[in-house]
Amino acid sequence: MPFATTATLNIAFETGGPVDGDPVLLLHGWPDDVRTYDRVVPALHAAGFRTVVPYLRGFGDTSFLSKDTQRSGEMIAMAQDAIDLADALDLETFAVIGHDWGARIAYVLAIVVPHRVRRMVTMSVGWEPGDLPTPSLKQAQAYWYQWFMATERGRQMVRRNGKAFARIQWDTWSPPGWFEDADFERTAKSFENPDWPEITCHSYGVRWGEADKDPRYFGLDRRVHEAQSISIPTLMIQGGSDAVTLPDSTAGKDGFFSGGYARHVVPGVGHFPTREAPDAVNKLVIDFLRRRSLDEP
């Protein structure tokens, strides 16, 4: 597996496709890893795209260079990681595909380096300006695991038994029967990274103001919070049966995207569209990446 060394990390990543193909950066979510794109990457290669699929900080073989670096799980930090990776690989411009955390990272990239992101596909997470709003009671109920990690007892559970904690999410975020045990076990190896518990807990704590931000990203954080719209052409894919990011929570975001926006709901699919409905996702993604504009049929 190749690695890219940045100022902060040794980033493990997978890459493939035509070396002269248009690059696509694929960012995974939580609790997941690069395997979420196993049935997407071959279709992108066949369509002529070059892919780069990194393990996010705290996942797989990606590691920090220094034990003293804050184990920040902020989306801003991971967006900077993605920029650093693109710099290391000499990717001047690229398309972005992001699922879950990866979608949040993609939105940040579209704000802070819009000149480099040609277009993006986001899955299972929407975007609107400013701080995350307090969710509806129904959505708050679905986010139980985030409130749990805001407590010390919850954080201790993640540190002691993170794999079982992750498995609960797989079991409940999508309709039953969408994965085999072997699928989970293969991905769960990425959660053995020693930084995974702290990255996980900090990410959800800082999201709701229950953990301190990393000062090194204050400037980027301010830019993201001040943004009122996103100018990058965006395709958003939502599972119609997503039991954690409820479909209603990602509806009605069109007005926040000045560069064109389309939202596609895939019926019967839960939180993991790339795993549950790869054929549908591949068609949507490749058609979108090939189009000159969102107005084309």
Protein backbone atom coordinates (compact mmCIF):
# COMPACT_ATOMS: atom_id res chain seq x y z
CA MET A 1 0.00 0.00 0.00
CA PRO A 2 1.38 3.46 -0.86
CA PHE A 3 1.77 6.19 1.74
CA ALA A 4 1.98 9.95 1.44
CA THR A 5 3.85 11.87 4.13
CA THR A 6 2.43 15.27 5.04
CA ALA A 7 3.31 17.72 7.79
CA THR A 8 1.05 15.78 10.18
CA LEU A 9 0.46 12.26 8.93
CA ASN A 10 1.62 9.23 7.03
CA ILE A 11 -1.51 8.74 4.96
CA ALA A 12 -2.22 5.24 3.68
CA PHE A 13 -4.19 5.22 0.45
CA GLU A 14 -5.22 3.04 -2.46
CA THR A 15 -5.01 4.25 -6.03
CA GLY A 16 -5.70 2.92 -9.49
CA GLY A 17 -7.16 3.57 -12.91
CA PRO A 18 -5.57 5.25 -15.93
CA VAL A 19 -2.59 7.34 -14.84
CA ASP A 20 -3.74 10.11 -17.17
CA GLY A 21 -7.38 9.88 -16.11
CA ASP A 22 -9.16 12.72 -14.35
CA PRO A 23 -8.47 12.20 -10.62
CA VAL A 24 -11.25 11.43 -8.17
CA LEU A 25 -10.66 11.59 -4.42
CA LEU A 26 -12.93 9.18 -2.53
CA LEU A 27 -13.41 9.83 1.19
CA HIS A 28 -14.99 7.27 3.49
CA GLY A 29 -17.08 7.78 6.59
CA TRP A 30 -17.56 6.42 10.11
CA PRO A 31 -17.67 3.62 11.10
CA ASP A 32 -16.30 2.56 7.75
CA ASP A 33 -13.13 2.60 5.66
CA VAL A 34 -11.87 2.47 2.08
CA ARG A 35 -13.68 -0.85 1.50
CA THR A 36 -16.93 1.10 1.18
CA TYR A 37 -15.80 1.98 -2.37
CA ASP A 38 -14.81 -1.53 -3.47
CA ARG A 39 -17.70 -1.78 -5.91
CA VAL A 40 -17.46 1.84 -7.03
CA VAL A 41 -13.76 2.13 -7.86
CA PRO A 42 -13.77 -0.49 -10.68
CA ALA A 43 -16.62 1.34 -12.42
CA LEU A 44 -14.72 4.62 -12.19
CA HIS A 45 -11.62 2.98 -13.64
CA ALA A 46 -13.64 1.52 -16.51
CA ALA A 47 -15.04 5.00 -17.17
CA GLY A 48 -11.49 6.41 -17.45
CA PHE A 49 -11.07 8.00 -14.05
CA ARG A 50 -8.05 7.74 -11.76
CA THR A 51 -8.97 7.10 -8.12
CA VAL A 52 -7.29 7.97 -4.82
CA VAL A 53 -8.92 6.46 -1.72
CA PRO A 54 -7.23 7.40 1.57
CA TYR A 55 -7.72 6.02 5.04
CA LEU A 56 -8.80 8.99 7.16
CA ARG A 57 -6.79 9.92 10.24
CA GLY A 58 -7.39 7.31 12.92
CA PHE A 59 -8.27 4.57 10.43
CA GLY A 60 -6.29 1.68 8.98
CA ASP A 61 -2.58 2.29 8.55
CA THR A 62 -2.76 6.09 8.49
CA SER A 63 -0.68 7.37 11.40
CA PHE A 64 0.43 10.60 13.06
CA LEU A 65 4.06 11.64 12.79
CA SER A 66 4.15 12.95 16.36
CA LYS A 67 2.64 11.67 19.59
CA ASP A 68 2.17 15.32 20.60
CA THR A 69 -0.24 16.23 17.80
CA GLN A 70 -3.81 16.65 19.01
CA ARG A 71 -5.96 13.74 17.85
CA SER A 72 -8.54 16.06 16.38
CA GLY A 73 -11.55 14.53 14.69
CA GLU A 74 -12.70 17.86 13.25
CA MET A 75 -13.87 17.80 9.66
CA ILE A 76 -11.66 20.85 9.11
CA ALA A 77 -8.61 18.82 10.15
CA MET A 78 -9.52 15.98 7.81
CA ALA A 79 -10.13 18.41 4.97
CA GLN A 80 -6.62 19.76 5.50
CA ASP A 81 -5.37 16.16 5.42
CA ALA A 82 -7.09 15.72 2.06
CA ILE A 83 -5.53 18.92 0.71
CA ASP A 84 -2.12 17.79 1.93
CA LEU A 85 -2.59 14.42 0.25
CA ALA A 86 -3.60 16.08 -3.03
CA ASP A 87 -0.51 18.29 -2.79
CA ALA A 88 1.73 15.28 -2.14
CA LEU A 89 0.30 13.52 -5.21
CA ASP A 90 0.46 16.66 -7.40
CA LEU A 91 -3.30 16.72 -7.91
CA GLU A 92 -3.96 20.28 -8.94
CA THR A 93 -7.69 19.72 -9.42
CA PHE A 94 -9.89 16.74 -8.67
CA ALA A 95 -13.45 15.57 -8.19
CA VAL A 96 -14.51 14.45 -4.71
CA ILE A 97 -16.81 11.64 -3.65
CA GLY A 98 -17.60 11.57 0.05
CA HIS A 99 -19.80 9.39 2.22
CA ASP A 100 -20.83 10.29 5.79
CA TRP A 101 -17.72 11.95 7.32
CA GLY A 102 -16.36 12.01 3.78
CA ALA A 103 -19.34 14.09 2.68
CA ARG A 104 -18.75 16.60 5.46
CA ILE A 105 -15.09 16.79 4.44
CA ALA A 106 -16.11 17.32 0.82
CA TYR A 107 -18.29 20.28 1.77
CA VAL A 108 -15.34 21.83 3.60
CA LEU A 109 -13.07 21.31 0.59
CA ALA A 110 -15.63 22.98 -1.65
CA ILE A 111 -15.52 26.04 0.61
CA VAL A 112 -11.80 26.36 1.33
CA VAL A 113 -10.30 25.22 -2.02
CA PRO A 114 -13.09 25.75 -4.58
CA HIS A 115 -10.51 26.32 -7.32
CA ARG A 116 -9.32 22.75 -6.93
CA VAL A 117 -12.61 20.82 -6.61
CA ARG A 118 -14.15 20.33 -10.03
CA ARG A 119 -17.36 18.81 -8.72
CA MET A 120 -18.44 16.60 -5.86
CA VAL A 121 -20.75 13.75 -4.93
CA THR A 122 -21.87 13.57 -1.32
CA MET A 123 -23.78 10.75 0.31
CA SER A 124 -25.92 10.47 3.43
CA VAL A 125 -25.13 13.94 4.84
CA GLY A 126 -26.48 17.34 3.82
CA TRP A 127 -25.07 20.85 4.23
CA GLU A 128 -26.29 24.25 5.29
CA PRO A 129 -24.45 27.39 6.45
CA GLY A 130 -23.23 28.00 9.98
CA ASP A 131 -23.10 25.72 12.99
CA LEU A 132 -24.98 22.46 12.89
CA PRO A 133 -28.54 23.19 13.99
CA THR A 134 -30.06 21.42 16.95
CA PRO A 135 -31.75 18.44 15.32
CA SER A 136 -35.43 17.62 15.53
CA LEU A 137 -36.42 15.26 18.33
CA LYS A 138 -36.76 12.38 15.88
CA GLN A 139 -33.32 13.05 14.40
CA ALA A 140 -31.86 13.53 17.88
CA GLN A 141 -33.14 10.08 18.81
CA ALA A 142 -31.33 8.61 15.79
CA TYR A 143 -28.16 10.39 16.93
CA TRP A 144 -28.15 8.64 20.32
CA TYR A 145 -24.59 7.38 19.79
CA GLN A 146 -23.32 10.95 19.41
CA TRP A 147 -24.85 12.05 22.72
CA PHE A 148 -23.51 8.87 24.33
CA MET A 149 -19.97 9.77 23.31
CA ALA A 150 -20.41 13.22 24.85
CA THR A 151 -20.25 11.49 28.25
CA GLU A 152 -17.13 10.05 29.86
CA ARG A 153 -18.84 6.68 30.24
CA GLY A 154 -19.63 6.66 26.54
CA ARG A 155 -16.05 7.52 25.65
CA GLN A 156 -14.80 4.74 27.90
CA MET A 157 -17.10 2.30 26.09
CA VAL A 158 -15.63 3.32 22.72
CA ARG A 159 -12.11 2.95 24.06
CA ARG A 160 -12.80 -0.49 25.56
CA ASN A 161 -15.14 -1.99 22.98
CA GLY A 162 -15.13 0.20 19.88
CA LYS A 163 -15.65 -2.67 17.46
CA ALA A 164 -18.89 -3.76 19.12
CA PHE A 165 -20.00 -0.12 19.26
CA ALA A 166 -19.39 0.22 15.52
CA ARG A 167 -21.24 -3.04 14.81
CA ILE A 168 -24.39 -1.66 16.46
CA GLN A 169 -24.39 1.17 13.93
CA TRP A 170 -24.05 -1.23 10.99
CA ASP A 171 -26.88 -3.35 12.40
CA THR A 172 -29.30 -0.44 12.82
CA TRP A 173 -28.57 2.26 10.23
CA SER A 174 -29.92 0.33 7.22
CA PRO A 175 -32.60 -2.27 6.52
CA PRO A 176 -31.69 -5.75 7.85
CA GLY A 177 -29.56 -8.11 5.79
CA TRP A 178 -27.56 -5.56 3.83
CA PHE A 179 -24.14 -6.96 4.77
CA GLU A 180 -22.36 -10.19 5.62
CA ASP A 181 -20.35 -10.65 8.82
CA ALA A 182 -17.19 -10.93 6.73
CA ASP A 183 -17.82 -7.45 5.27
CA PHE A 184 -17.90 -5.91 8.72
CA GLU A 185 -14.91 -7.87 9.99
CA ARG A 186 -12.79 -6.78 7.03
CA THR A 187 -13.57 -3.12 7.60
CA ALA A 188 -13.37 -3.36 11.40
CA LYS A 189 -9.64 -4.04 11.10
CA SER A 190 -9.32 -0.32 10.39
CA PHE A 191 -10.77 0.43 13.83
CA GLU A 192 -7.73 -1.25 15.42
CA ASN A 193 -5.74 1.90 14.68
CA PRO A 194 -4.65 3.13 18.15
CA ASP A 195 -5.95 6.64 17.39
CA TRP A 196 -9.42 5.49 16.28
CA PRO A 197 -11.16 5.81 19.67
CA GLU A 198 -9.87 9.32 20.34
CA ILE A 199 -10.53 10.54 16.79
CA THR A 200 -14.04 9.09 16.98
CA CYS A 201 -14.91 10.59 20.35
CA HIS A 202 -13.36 13.98 19.60
CA SER A 203 -15.13 14.21 16.25
CA TYR A 204 -18.58 13.86 17.76
CA GLY A 205 -17.75 15.85 20.88
CA VAL A 206 -16.39 18.86 19.02
CA ARG A 207 -19.30 18.74 16.57
CA TRP A 208 -21.72 19.68 19.33
CA GLY A 209 -19.44 21.97 21.31
CA GLU A 210 -18.51 19.35 23.92
CA ALA A 211 -14.77 19.22 23.11
CA ASP A 212 -12.05 21.78 22.39
CA LYS A 213 -11.07 22.58 18.81
CA ASP A 214 -7.49 22.28 17.56
CA PRO A 215 -6.08 25.84 17.36
CA ARG A 216 -4.09 25.06 14.23
CA TYR A 217 -7.34 24.95 12.25
CA PHE A 218 -9.00 28.08 13.65
CA GLY A 219 -8.53 30.02 10.41
CA LEU A 220 -10.10 27.36 8.21
CA ASP A 221 -12.86 26.83 10.74
CA ARG A 222 -13.78 30.52 10.60
CA ARG A 223 -13.93 30.46 6.81
CA VAL A 224 -16.25 27.47 6.82
CA HIS A 225 -18.58 28.99 9.41
CA GLU A 226 -18.76 32.24 7.48
CA ALA A 227 -19.64 30.55 4.16
CA GLN A 228 -23.20 31.13 3.02
CA SER A 229 -23.18 28.94 -0.09
CA ILE A 230 -21.16 26.36 -2.00
CA SER A 231 -20.21 27.12 -5.60
CA ILE A 232 -19.15 23.60 -6.67
CA PRO A 233 -21.58 21.50 -8.77
CA THR A 234 -22.92 18.91 -6.33
CA LEU A 235 -24.79 15.64 -6.54
CA MET A 236 -26.20 14.50 -3.20
CA ILE A 237 -27.29 10.84 -2.83
CA GLN A 238 -29.61 9.96 0.03
CA GLY A 239 -30.79 6.52 1.08
CA GLY A 240 -34.58 6.52 1.32
CA SER A 241 -34.46 4.14 4.30
CA ASP A 242 -31.50 5.74 6.10
CA ALA A 243 -32.18 5.24 9.82
CA VAL A 244 -29.47 7.57 11.15
CA THR A 245 -29.38 10.54 8.78
CA LEU A 246 -33.11 10.71 8.28
CA PRO A 247 -34.05 11.56 4.69
CA ASP A 248 -36.07 14.61 5.73
CA SER A 249 -32.93 16.10 7.29
CA THR A 250 -31.16 16.40 3.93
CA ALA A 251 -34.12 17.75 1.94
CA GLY A 252 -34.53 21.37 0.88
CA LYS A 253 -30.84 22.31 0.66
CA ASP A 254 -30.88 23.45 -2.98
CA GLY A 255 -30.71 27.15 -2.16
CA PHE A 256 -27.34 26.75 -0.44
CA PHE A 257 -25.59 25.63 -3.65
CA SER A 258 -24.90 28.35 -6.20
CA GLY A 259 -23.01 26.11 -8.65
CA GLY A 260 -25.80 23.64 -9.26
CA TYR A 261 -27.26 20.95 -7.02
CA ALA A 262 -29.19 17.75 -7.50
CA ARG A 263 -30.42 15.40 -4.78
CA HIS A 264 -31.30 11.79 -5.59
CA VAL A 265 -33.09 9.54 -3.11
CA VAL A 266 -32.48 5.80 -3.59
CA PRO A 267 -35.56 3.92 -2.33
CA GLY A 268 -35.06 1.09 0.14
CA VAL A 269 -31.40 1.94 0.76
CA GLY A 270 -30.06 2.83 4.20
CA HIS A 271 -27.00 4.78 5.27
CA PHE A 272 -24.41 2.98 3.10
CA PRO A 273 -25.45 3.48 -0.56
CA THR A 274 -22.06 2.46 -2.00
CA ARG A 275 -22.35 -0.90 -0.26
CA GLU A 276 -26.10 -1.45 -0.54
CA ALA A 277 -26.76 -0.21 -4.09
CA PRO A 278 -23.43 0.14 -5.93
CA ASP A 279 -24.96 -0.20 -9.40
CA ALA A 280 -27.37 2.68 -8.79
CA VAL A 281 -24.61 4.78 -7.23
CA ASN A 282 -22.18 4.08 -10.06
CA LYS A 283 -24.65 5.16 -12.72
CA LEU A 284 -25.51 8.36 -10.88
CA VAL A 285 -21.88 9.20 -10.14
CA ILE A 286 -20.41 8.49 -13.57
CA ASP A 287 -23.23 10.28 -15.40
CA PHE A 288 -22.71 13.27 -13.11
CA LEU A 289 -18.91 13.36 -13.48
CA ARG A 290 -19.17 13.17 -17.26
CA ARG A 291 -21.78 15.89 -17.68
CA ARG A 292 -20.67 19.39 -18.58
CA SER A 293 -23.48 20.87 -16.47
CA LEU A 294 -26.26 19.76 -14.18
CA ASP A 295 -28.80 21.02 -16.71
CA GLU A 296 -27.94 18.28 -19.22
CA PRO A 297 -30.48 15.42 -19.38
